[in-house]
Amino acid sequence: MKLKLLTAAMLAMAIAPMQANAAVATATMQVTAAVVAPTASVLVAGPLAFGTLITNFNGGGMNATTTFDVTVTNRVPYRIDFGGGLNSAGTAFFAMKDAGSANTLSYSLYKDSTTSLNYPANSATPSIPRQTGTGVAQAYTLYAQVVSTGAAPGNFSDTITITVTY
Protein backbone atom coordinates (compact mmCIF):
# COMPACT_ATOMS: atom_id res chain seq x y z
CA MET A 1 0.00 0.00 0.00
CA LYS A 2 2.88 2.35 0.86
CA LEU A 3 4.42 1.57 -2.49
CA LYS A 4 1.22 2.55 -4.31
CA LEU A 5 1.02 5.86 -2.44
CA LEU A 6 4.65 6.59 -3.16
CA THR A 7 4.20 5.82 -6.87
CA ALA A 8 1.15 8.06 -7.09
CA ALA A 9 2.96 10.93 -5.35
CA MET A 10 5.97 10.66 -7.67
CA LEU A 11 3.73 10.59 -10.71
CA ALA A 12 1.86 13.70 -9.57
CA MET A 13 5.16 15.53 -9.04
CA ALA A 14 6.37 14.57 -12.51
CA ILE A 15 3.21 15.89 -14.18
CA ALA A 16 3.03 19.16 -12.20
CA PRO A 17 6.02 20.85 -13.89
CA MET A 18 4.63 20.06 -17.36
CA GLN A 19 1.35 21.75 -16.53
CA ALA A 20 3.10 24.83 -15.21
CA ASN A 21 5.11 25.23 -18.44
CA ALA A 22 2.17 24.66 -20.82
CA ALA A 23 1.26 27.63 -23.09
CA VAL A 24 -1.98 28.34 -24.92
CA ALA A 25 -2.57 30.31 -28.11
CA THR A 26 -6.06 31.38 -29.16
CA ALA A 27 -7.65 33.22 -32.06
CA THR A 28 -11.12 34.25 -33.02
CA MET A 29 -12.82 33.57 -36.30
CA GLN A 30 -15.73 35.55 -37.65
CA VAL A 31 -18.65 33.58 -39.10
CA THR A 32 -20.94 35.36 -41.58
CA ALA A 33 -23.74 34.64 -44.01
CA ALA A 34 -25.79 36.82 -46.31
CA VAL A 35 -29.34 35.69 -46.88
CA VAL A 36 -31.09 37.05 -49.97
CA ALA A 37 -34.44 36.34 -51.51
CA PRO A 38 -34.30 34.37 -54.76
CA THR A 39 -35.08 36.32 -57.92
CA ALA A 40 -36.36 35.54 -61.39
CA SER A 41 -36.79 37.45 -64.62
CA VAL A 42 -38.14 36.72 -68.09
CA LEU A 43 -36.89 38.43 -71.23
CA VAL A 44 -38.83 37.80 -74.46
CA ALA A 45 -36.71 38.23 -77.59
CA GLY A 46 -39.55 39.21 -79.88
CA PRO A 47 -43.18 38.62 -80.77
CA LEU A 48 -44.52 35.30 -81.92
CA ALA A 49 -45.42 36.54 -85.41
CA PHE A 50 -47.10 34.37 -88.05
CA GLY A 51 -46.90 37.10 -90.66
CA THR A 52 -49.58 37.30 -93.38
CA LEU A 53 -51.88 34.29 -93.68
CA ILE A 54 -54.34 33.57 -96.48
CA THR A 55 -58.00 33.26 -95.49
CA ASN A 56 -59.42 29.73 -95.74
CA PHE A 57 -55.91 28.29 -95.77
CA ASN A 58 -56.22 24.63 -94.87
CA GLY A 59 -52.78 23.19 -95.35
CA GLY A 60 -49.91 21.81 -93.38
CA GLY A 61 -49.85 24.72 -90.95
CA MET A 62 -48.22 28.09 -90.73
CA ASN A 63 -45.42 28.14 -88.19
CA ALA A 64 -43.81 30.81 -86.04
CA THR A 65 -40.99 30.74 -83.50
CA THR A 66 -39.70 33.00 -80.76
CA THR A 67 -37.30 32.69 -77.88
CA PHE A 68 -37.31 33.86 -74.31
CA ASP A 69 -34.73 33.81 -71.54
CA VAL A 70 -35.39 32.96 -67.92
CA THR A 71 -32.93 33.91 -65.20
CA VAL A 72 -33.42 32.45 -61.73
CA THR A 73 -31.08 32.54 -58.74
CA ASN A 74 -28.52 29.72 -58.73
CA ARG A 75 -29.84 26.38 -57.39
CA VAL A 76 -33.41 27.65 -56.98
CA PRO A 77 -36.03 25.30 -58.50
CA TYR A 78 -38.63 26.84 -60.80
CA ARG A 79 -41.26 26.02 -63.39
CA ILE A 80 -42.66 27.91 -66.37
CA ASP A 81 -46.32 28.26 -67.29
CA PHE A 82 -47.93 29.80 -70.34
CA GLY A 83 -51.24 31.46 -69.59
CA GLY A 84 -54.12 30.70 -71.93
CA GLY A 85 -53.88 34.11 -73.53
CA LEU A 86 -56.60 36.72 -73.66
CA ASN A 87 -58.91 34.80 -75.99
CA SER A 88 -58.67 31.04 -75.43
CA ALA A 89 -61.82 29.23 -74.44
CA GLY A 90 -60.54 25.92 -73.19
CA THR A 91 -57.38 23.86 -73.03
CA ALA A 92 -57.13 22.57 -76.60
CA PHE A 93 -56.01 25.75 -78.41
CA PHE A 94 -54.89 29.29 -77.89
CA ALA A 95 -56.78 31.93 -79.90
CA MET A 96 -56.02 35.28 -81.48
CA LYS A 97 -58.88 37.75 -81.82
CA ASP A 98 -59.51 40.19 -84.66
CA ALA A 99 -59.24 43.79 -83.47
CA GLY A 100 -62.34 44.85 -85.44
CA SER A 101 -64.69 41.90 -84.89
CA ALA A 102 -65.41 38.91 -82.68
CA ASN A 103 -63.60 36.54 -85.08
CA THR A 104 -60.88 34.35 -83.62
CA LEU A 105 -57.99 32.39 -85.10
CA SER A 106 -56.82 29.29 -83.23
CA TYR A 107 -53.18 28.41 -82.80
CA SER A 108 -51.14 25.98 -80.72
CA LEU A 109 -47.86 26.30 -78.83
CA TYR A 110 -45.27 23.55 -79.03
CA LYS A 111 -42.13 22.37 -77.26
CA ASP A 112 -40.49 21.17 -80.46
CA SER A 113 -39.94 22.29 -84.05
CA THR A 114 -41.84 19.27 -85.40
CA THR A 115 -44.98 20.53 -83.61
CA SER A 116 -45.66 17.16 -82.01
CA LEU A 117 -45.39 18.07 -78.31
CA ASN A 118 -47.89 20.82 -77.53
CA TYR A 119 -48.40 23.07 -74.53
CA PRO A 120 -52.08 23.04 -73.59
CA ALA A 121 -53.81 26.36 -72.96
CA ASN A 122 -55.06 27.02 -69.42
CA SER A 123 -53.61 23.79 -68.06
CA ALA A 124 -53.09 23.01 -64.38
CA THR A 125 -49.96 21.10 -65.39
CA PRO A 126 -46.81 23.26 -65.65
CA SER A 127 -45.90 24.02 -69.25
CA ILE A 128 -42.23 23.48 -68.49
CA PRO A 129 -41.94 21.50 -65.24
CA ARG A 130 -39.20 21.67 -62.64
CA GLN A 131 -36.02 23.37 -63.76
CA THR A 132 -33.10 24.62 -61.65
CA GLY A 133 -31.78 28.15 -61.78
CA THR A 134 -28.15 28.79 -62.64
CA GLY A 135 -28.00 32.52 -61.94
CA VAL A 136 -27.55 33.24 -65.66
CA ALA A 137 -30.09 33.42 -68.48
CA GLN A 138 -31.40 30.08 -69.75
CA ALA A 139 -32.79 30.22 -73.28
CA TYR A 140 -36.07 28.59 -74.30
CA THR A 141 -37.58 28.35 -77.77
CA LEU A 142 -41.33 28.51 -78.25
CA TYR A 143 -42.84 27.08 -81.43
CA ALA A 144 -46.36 27.84 -82.66
CA GLN A 145 -48.63 26.79 -85.49
CA VAL A 146 -51.88 27.95 -87.08
CA VAL A 147 -53.37 24.84 -88.68
CA SER A 148 -56.05 26.55 -90.75
CA THR A 149 -57.35 30.06 -91.24
CA GLY A 150 -61.09 29.59 -91.51
CA ALA A 151 -61.53 33.07 -90.09
CA ALA A 152 -62.51 36.09 -92.17
CA PRO A 153 -59.74 38.56 -93.07
CA GLY A 154 -58.62 40.76 -90.17
CA ASN A 155 -55.77 41.70 -87.86
CA PHE A 156 -55.52 39.03 -85.18
CA SER A 157 -53.55 39.18 -81.96
CA ASP A 158 -53.30 37.64 -78.54
CA THR A 159 -51.22 38.14 -75.41
CA ILE A 160 -49.73 35.21 -73.54
CA THR A 161 -48.36 35.55 -70.05
CA ILE A 162 -45.18 33.61 -69.25
CA THR A 163 -45.14 32.90 -65.53
CA VAL A 164 -42.06 31.68 -63.68
CA THR A 165 -42.87 30.16 -60.31
CA TYR A 166 -39.92 29.68 -57.96
C-alpha atoms as a PDB file:
ATOM      1  CA  MET A   1       0.000   0.000   0.000  1.00  0.00           C
ATOM      2  CA  LYS A   2       2.882   2.347   0.857  1.00  0.00           C
ATOM      3  CA  LEU A   3       4.417   1.570  -2.491  1.00  0.00           C
ATOM      4  CA  LYS A   4       1.216   2.554  -4.310  1.00  0.00           C
ATOM      5  CA  LEU A   5       1.022   5.857  -2.445  1.00  0.00           C
ATOM      6  CA  LEU A   6       4.654   6.595  -3.160  1.00  0.00           C
ATOM      7  CA  THR A   7       4.203   5.822  -6.866  1.00  0.00           C
ATOM      8  CA  ALA A   8       1.146   8.062  -7.093  1.00  0.00           C
ATOM      9  CA  ALA A   9       2.957  10.934  -5.349  1.00  0.00           C
ATOM     10  CA  MET A  10       5.973  10.659  -7.667  1.00  0.00           C
ATOM     11  CA  LEU A  11       3.725  10.586 -10.714  1.00  0.00           C
ATOM     12  CA  ALA A  12       1.863  13.696  -9.566  1.00  0.00           C
ATOM     13  CA  MET A  13       5.160  15.526  -9.036  1.00  0.00           C
ATOM     14  CA  ALA A  14       6.372  14.570 -12.505  1.00  0.00           C
ATOM     15  CA  ILE A  15       3.213  15.886 -14.176  1.00  0.00           C
ATOM     16  CA  ALA A  16       3.030  19.161 -12.200  1.00  0.00           C
ATOM     17  CA  PRO A  17       6.023  20.848 -13.890  1.00  0.00           C
ATOM     18  CA  MET A  18       4.632  20.061 -17.358  1.00  0.00           C
ATOM     19  CA  GLN A  19       1.353  21.753 -16.531  1.00  0.00           C
ATOM     20  CA  ALA A  20       3.103  24.829 -15.205  1.00  0.00           C
ATOM     21  CA  ASN A  21       5.112  25.228 -18.435  1.00  0.00           C
ATOM     22  CA  ALA A  22       2.169  24.665 -20.825  1.00  0.00           C
ATOM     23  CA  ALA A  23       1.260  27.634 -23.093  1.00  0.00           C
ATOM     24  CA  VAL A  24      -1.977  28.336 -24.920  1.00  0.00           C
ATOM     25  CA  ALA A  25      -2.573  30.314 -28.114  1.00  0.00           C
ATOM     26  CA  THR A  26      -6.063  31.381 -29.158  1.00  0.00           C
ATOM     27  CA  ALA A  27      -7.648  33.217 -32.061  1.00  0.00           C
ATOM     28  CA  THR A  28     -11.124  34.254 -33.019  1.00  0.00           C
ATOM     29  CA  MET A  29     -12.818  33.574 -36.300  1.00  0.00           C
ATOM     30  CA  GLN A  30     -15.732  35.545 -37.649  1.00  0.00           C
ATOM     31  CA  VAL A  31     -18.650  33.577 -39.102  1.00  0.00           C
ATOM     32  CA  THR A  32     -20.936  35.362 -41.582  1.00  0.00           C
ATOM     33  CA  ALA A  33     -23.737  34.642 -44.010  1.00  0.00           C
ATOM     34  CA  ALA A  34     -25.785  36.818 -46.311  1.00  0.00           C
ATOM     35  CA  VAL A  35     -29.344  35.694 -46.880  1.00  0.00           C
ATOM     36  CA  VAL A  36     -31.089  37.054 -49.973  1.00  0.00           C
ATOM     37  CA  ALA A  37     -34.440  36.337 -51.511  1.00  0.00           C
ATOM     38  CA  PRO A  38     -34.300  34.369 -54.761  1.00  0.00           C
ATOM     39  CA  THR A  39     -35.077  36.322 -57.919  1.00  0.00           C
ATOM     40  CA  ALA A  40     -36.358  35.544 -61.389  1.00  0.00           C
ATOM     41  CA  SER A  41     -36.785  37.454 -64.617  1.00  0.00           C
ATOM     42  CA  VAL A  42     -38.135  36.719 -68.088  1.00  0.00           C
ATOM     43  CA  LEU A  43     -36.893  38.432 -71.231  1.00  0.00           C
ATOM     44  CA  VAL A  44     -38.828  37.803 -74.458  1.00  0.00           C
ATOM     45  CA  ALA A  45     -36.709  38.233 -77.589  1.00  0.00           C
ATOM     46  CA  GLY A  46     -39.555  39.210 -79.883  1.00  0.00           C
ATOM     47  CA  PRO A  47     -43.178  38.618 -80.771  1.00  0.00           C
ATOM     48  CA  LEU A  48     -44.524  35.300 -81.925  1.00  0.00           C
ATOM     49  CA  ALA A  49     -45.423  36.542 -85.414  1.00  0.00           C
ATOM     50  CA  PHE A  50     -47.099  34.367 -88.045  1.00  0.00           C
ATOM     51  CA  GLY A  51     -46.902  37.096 -90.662  1.00  0.00           C
ATOM     52  CA  THR A  52     -49.584  37.301 -93.375  1.00  0.00           C
ATOM     53  CA  LEU A  53     -51.878  34.294 -93.680  1.00  0.00           C
ATOM     54  CA  ILE A  54     -54.338  33.566 -96.475  1.00  0.00           C
ATOM     55  CA  THR A  55     -58.001  33.262 -95.494  1.00  0.00           C
ATOM     56  CA  ASN A  56     -59.421  29.735 -95.742  1.00  0.00           C
ATOM     57  CA  PHE A  57     -55.907  28.288 -95.771  1.00  0.00           C
ATOM     58  CA  ASN A  58     -56.222  24.633 -94.868  1.00  0.00           C
ATOM     59  CA  GLY A  59     -52.776  23.193 -95.352  1.00  0.00           C
ATOM     60  CA  GLY A  60     -49.909  21.813 -93.376  1.00  0.00           C
ATOM     61  CA  GLY A  61     -49.853  24.719 -90.951  1.00  0.00           C
ATOM     62  CA  MET A  62     -48.219  28.094 -90.729  1.00  0.00           C
ATOM     63  CA  ASN A  63     -45.417  28.139 -88.189  1.00  0.00           C
ATOM     64  CA  ALA A  64     -43.812  30.807 -86.041  1.00  0.00           C
ATOM     65  CA  THR A  65     -40.992  30.737 -83.505  1.00  0.00           C
ATOM     66  CA  THR A  66     -39.696  33.000 -80.765  1.00  0.00           C
ATOM     67  CA  THR A  67     -37.298  32.693 -77.881  1.00  0.00           C
ATOM     68  CA  PHE A  68     -37.311  33.864 -74.308  1.00  0.00           C
ATOM     69  CA  ASP A  69     -34.730  33.806 -71.540  1.00  0.00           C
ATOM     70  CA  VAL A  70     -35.389  32.958 -67.916  1.00  0.00           C
ATOM     71  CA  THR A  71     -32.932  33.915 -65.196  1.00  0.00           C
ATOM     72  CA  VAL A  72     -33.419  32.447 -61.732  1.00  0.00           C
ATOM     73  CA  THR A  73     -31.085  32.538 -58.738  1.00  0.00           C
ATOM     74  CA  ASN A  74     -28.520  29.719 -58.728  1.00  0.00           C
ATOM     75  CA  ARG A  75     -29.843  26.376 -57.393  1.00  0.00           C
ATOM     76  CA  VAL A  76     -33.408  27.649 -56.981  1.00  0.00           C
ATOM     77  CA  PRO A  77     -36.027  25.303 -58.504  1.00  0.00           C
ATOM     78  CA  TYR A  78     -38.627  26.841 -60.798  1.00  0.00           C
ATOM     79  CA  ARG A  79     -41.264  26.018 -63.392  1.00  0.00           C
ATOM     80  CA  ILE A  80     -42.656  27.914 -66.374  1.00  0.00           C
ATOM     81  CA  ASP A  81     -46.322  28.257 -67.288  1.00  0.00           C
ATOM     82  CA  PHE A  82     -47.935  29.798 -70.342  1.00  0.00           C
ATOM     83  CA  GLY A  83     -51.239  31.463 -69.591  1.00  0.00           C
ATOM     84  CA  GLY A  84     -54.119  30.699 -71.935  1.00  0.00           C
ATOM     85  CA  GLY A  85     -53.876  34.108 -73.528  1.00  0.00           C
ATOM     86  CA  LEU A  86     -56.598  36.719 -73.659  1.00  0.00           C
ATOM     87  CA  ASN A  87     -58.914  34.801 -75.989  1.00  0.00           C
ATOM     88  CA  SER A  88     -58.669  31.039 -75.431  1.00  0.00           C
ATOM     89  CA  ALA A  89     -61.822  29.231 -74.439  1.00  0.00           C
ATOM     90  CA  GLY A  90     -60.538  25.916 -73.188  1.00  0.00           C
ATOM     91  CA  THR A  91     -57.381  23.861 -73.032  1.00  0.00           C
ATOM     92  CA  ALA A  92     -57.132  22.573 -76.603  1.00  0.00           C
ATOM     93  CA  PHE A  93     -56.006  25.753 -78.412  1.00  0.00           C
ATOM     94  CA  PHE A  94     -54.894  29.294 -77.890  1.00  0.00           C
ATOM     95  CA  ALA A  95     -56.780  31.927 -79.900  1.00  0.00           C
ATOM     96  CA  MET A  96     -56.020  35.282 -81.477  1.00  0.00           C
ATOM     97  CA  LYS A  97     -58.884  37.754 -81.820  1.00  0.00           C
ATOM     98  CA  ASP A  98     -59.512  40.190 -84.655  1.00  0.00           C
ATOM     99  CA  ALA A  99     -59.238  43.788 -83.474  1.00  0.00           C
ATOM    100  CA  GLY A 100     -62.344  44.854 -85.443  1.00  0.00           C
ATOM    101  CA  SER A 101     -64.688  41.898 -84.891  1.00  0.00           C
ATOM    102  CA  ALA A 102     -65.407  38.910 -82.680  1.00  0.00           C
ATOM    103  CA  ASN A 103     -63.600  36.542 -85.077  1.00  0.00           C
ATOM    104  CA  THR A 104     -60.883  34.348 -83.624  1.00  0.00           C
ATOM    105  CA  LEU A 105     -57.994  32.391 -85.103  1.00  0.00           C
ATOM    106  CA  SER A 106     -56.821  29.292 -83.232  1.00  0.00           C
ATOM    107  CA  TYR A 107     -53.177  28.405 -82.799  1.00  0.00           C
ATOM    108  CA  SER A 108     -51.140  25.978 -80.722  1.00  0.00           C
ATOM    109  CA  LEU A 109     -47.862  26.297 -78.828  1.00  0.00           C
ATOM    110  CA  TYR A 110     -45.268  23.553 -79.035  1.00  0.00           C
ATOM    111  CA  LYS A 111     -42.128  22.365 -77.258  1.00  0.00           C
ATOM    112  CA  ASP A 112     -40.492  21.175 -80.462  1.00  0.00           C
ATOM    113  CA  SER A 113     -39.942  22.292 -84.049  1.00  0.00           C
ATOM    114  CA  THR A 114     -41.836  19.271 -85.398  1.00  0.00           C
ATOM    115  CA  THR A 115     -44.982  20.534 -83.606  1.00  0.00           C
ATOM    116  CA  SER A 116     -45.660  17.156 -82.014  1.00  0.00           C
ATOM    117  CA  LEU A 117     -45.394  18.071 -78.305  1.00  0.00           C
ATOM    118  CA  ASN A 118     -47.887  20.824 -77.531  1.00  0.00           C
ATOM    119  CA  TYR A 119     -48.399  23.071 -74.529  1.00  0.00           C
ATOM    120  CA  PRO A 120     -52.084  23.044 -73.591  1.00  0.00           C
ATOM    121  CA  ALA A 121     -53.814  26.362 -72.961  1.00  0.00           C
ATOM    122  CA  ASN A 122     -55.055  27.021 -69.419  1.00  0.00           C
ATOM    123  CA  SER A 123     -53.608  23.792 -68.057  1.00  0.00           C
ATOM    124  CA  ALA A 124     -53.094  23.008 -64.380  1.00  0.00           C
ATOM    125  CA  THR A 125     -49.959  21.104 -65.393  1.00  0.00           C
ATOM    126  CA  PRO A 126     -46.814  23.262 -65.654  1.00  0.00           C
ATOM    127  CA  SER A 127     -45.895  24.017 -69.246  1.00  0.00           C
ATOM    128  CA  ILE A 128     -42.227  23.477 -68.485  1.00  0.00           C
ATOM    129  CA  PRO A 129     -41.939  21.498 -65.242  1.00  0.00           C
ATOM    130  CA  ARG A 130     -39.201  21.671 -62.644  1.00  0.00           C
ATOM    131  CA  GLN A 131     -36.017  23.372 -63.757  1.00  0.00           C
ATOM    132  CA  THR A 132     -33.101  24.621 -61.655  1.00  0.00           C
ATOM    133  CA  GLY A 133     -31.782  28.155 -61.776  1.00  0.00           C
ATOM    134  CA  THR A 134     -28.153  28.795 -62.643  1.00  0.00           C
ATOM    135  CA  GLY A 135     -27.996  32.524 -61.940  1.00  0.00           C
ATOM    136  CA  VAL A 136     -27.551  33.236 -65.664  1.00  0.00           C
ATOM    137  CA  ALA A 137     -30.091  33.424 -68.480  1.00  0.00           C
ATOM    138  CA  GLN A 138     -31.396  30.082 -69.747  1.00  0.00           C
ATOM    139  CA  ALA A 139     -32.788  30.222 -73.285  1.00  0.00           C
ATOM    140  CA  TYR A 140     -36.069  28.589 -74.298  1.00  0.00           C
ATOM    141  CA  THR A 141     -37.576  28.347 -77.773  1.00  0.00           C
ATOM    142  CA  LEU A 142     -41.325  28.509 -78.247  1.00  0.00           C
ATOM    143  CA  TYR A 143     -42.838  27.078 -81.428  1.00  0.00           C
ATOM    144  CA  ALA A 144     -46.357  27.841 -82.656  1.00  0.00           C
ATOM    145  CA  GLN A 145     -48.633  26.790 -85.491  1.00  0.00           C
ATOM    146  CA  VAL A 146     -51.884  27.953 -87.083  1.00  0.00           C
ATOM    147  CA  VAL A 147     -53.367  24.840 -88.680  1.00  0.00           C
ATOM    148  CA  SER A 148     -56.052  26.545 -90.749  1.00  0.00           C
ATOM    149  CA  THR A 149     -57.352  30.059 -91.237  1.00  0.00           C
ATOM    150  CA  GLY A 150     -61.087  29.590 -91.515  1.00  0.00           C
ATOM    151  CA  ALA A 151     -61.525  33.075 -90.093  1.00  0.00           C
ATOM    152  CA  ALA A 152     -62.507  36.091 -92.167  1.00  0.00           C
ATOM    153  CA  PRO A 153     -59.740  38.564 -93.069  1.00  0.00           C
ATOM    154  CA  GLY A 154     -58.620  40.755 -90.166  1.00  0.00           C
ATOM    155  CA  ASN A 155     -55.772  41.700 -87.856  1.00  0.00           C
ATOM    156  CA  PHE A 156     -55.523  39.034 -85.182  1.00  0.00           C
ATOM    157  CA  SER A 157     -53.554  39.177 -81.957  1.00  0.00           C
ATOM    158  CA  ASP A 158     -53.301  37.637 -78.539  1.00  0.00           C
ATOM    159  CA  THR A 159     -51.216  38.143 -75.415  1.00  0.00           C
ATOM    160  CA  ILE A 160     -49.732  35.213 -73.539  1.00  0.00           C
ATOM    161  CA  THR A 161     -48.356  35.555 -70.047  1.00  0.00           C
ATOM    162  CA  ILE A 162     -45.179  33.611 -69.251  1.00  0.00           C
ATOM    163  CA  THR A 163     -45.143  32.904 -65.527  1.00  0.00           C
ATOM    164  CA  VAL A 164     -42.057  31.680 -63.684  1.00  0.00           C
ATOM    165  CA  THR A 165     -42.872  30.164 -60.307  1.00  0.00           C
ATOM    166  CA  TYR A 166     -39.923  29.684 -57.964  1.00  0.00           C
END
